[in-house]
Amino acid sequence: MKYIKLLLIIPFIGMIVCLPMVNRIEPYVFGLPFLLFWIVFWMILSSVIMAIIYRFDPDNKEGEAE
């Protein structure tokens, strides 16, 4: 659990590194152009990853001991 904060790299890779590779309109996903779907998908996934980090980060456990 020491390296749980390394999960923050995943949204960075998905949003910044992979964005030029998915820069296209076709196919449509849920009625959205693919690029817009990609951005919305990573925004939601980033929130999930942040929740996982908050839950399992040992630094957050110290505040609960009070």
Protein backbone atom coordinates (compact mmCIF):
# COMPACT_ATOMS: atom_id res chain seq x y z
CA MET A 1 0.00 0.00 0.00
CA LYS A 2 3.06 2.22 0.09
CA TYR A 3 2.79 3.01 -3.63
CA ILE A 4 -0.97 3.63 -3.81
CA LYS A 5 -0.43 7.20 -5.02
CA LEU A 6 1.20 5.88 -8.17
CA LEU A 7 -2.33 5.22 -9.41
CA LEU A 8 -2.49 8.94 -10.15
CA ILE A 9 -0.35 8.27 -13.21
CA ILE A 10 -3.17 6.32 -14.89
CA PRO A 11 -5.51 9.31 -15.51
CA PHE A 12 -2.56 11.38 -16.70
CA ILE A 13 -1.66 8.76 -19.28
CA GLY A 14 -5.26 8.36 -20.38
CA MET A 15 -5.97 12.06 -20.74
CA ILE A 16 -2.68 13.57 -21.88
CA VAL A 17 -0.62 10.84 -23.52
CA CYS A 18 -3.40 8.92 -25.29
CA LEU A 19 -5.50 11.93 -26.31
CA PRO A 20 -3.71 12.55 -29.64
CA MET A 21 -4.22 8.88 -30.58
CA VAL A 22 -8.01 9.01 -30.05
CA ASN A 23 -8.55 12.42 -31.66
CA ARG A 24 -11.32 11.42 -34.09
CA ILE A 25 -15.05 11.83 -34.45
CA GLU A 26 -16.05 8.34 -35.60
CA PRO A 27 -17.25 6.01 -34.04
CA TYR A 28 -20.04 7.52 -32.00
CA VAL A 29 -20.38 6.11 -28.47
CA PHE A 30 -23.65 6.79 -26.66
CA GLY A 31 -24.36 9.49 -29.25
CA LEU A 32 -21.11 11.32 -28.48
CA PRO A 33 -18.15 11.73 -30.82
CA PHE A 34 -15.37 9.41 -29.72
CA LEU A 35 -13.09 12.19 -28.45
CA LEU A 36 -15.81 13.66 -26.24
CA PHE A 37 -16.68 10.19 -24.95
CA TRP A 38 -12.98 9.59 -24.18
CA ILE A 39 -12.73 12.79 -22.13
CA VAL A 40 -15.95 12.09 -20.18
CA PHE A 41 -14.89 8.48 -19.58
CA TRP A 42 -11.55 9.56 -18.12
CA MET A 43 -13.16 12.21 -15.94
CA ILE A 44 -15.39 9.56 -14.38
CA LEU A 45 -12.56 7.04 -14.13
CA SER A 46 -10.31 9.66 -12.52
CA SER A 47 -12.93 10.20 -9.82
CA VAL A 48 -13.08 6.46 -9.16
CA ILE A 49 -9.29 6.25 -8.96
CA MET A 50 -9.18 9.20 -6.55
CA ALA A 51 -11.77 7.48 -4.34
CA ILE A 52 -9.68 4.30 -4.31
CA ILE A 53 -6.57 6.27 -3.36
CA TYR A 54 -8.43 8.07 -0.58
CA ARG A 55 -9.80 4.80 0.78
CA PHE A 56 -6.51 2.87 0.83
CA ASP A 57 -3.99 5.65 1.50
CA PRO A 58 -2.38 5.06 4.91
CA ASP A 59 -1.95 8.82 5.45
CA ASN A 60 -5.75 9.16 5.73
CA LYS A 61 -5.95 6.52 8.47
CA GLU A 62 -4.01 8.67 10.94
CA GLY A 63 -6.81 11.25 11.14
CA GLU A 64 -9.40 8.60 12.11
CA ALA A 65 -7.53 7.59 15.28
CA GLU A 66 -8.51 10.75 17.16
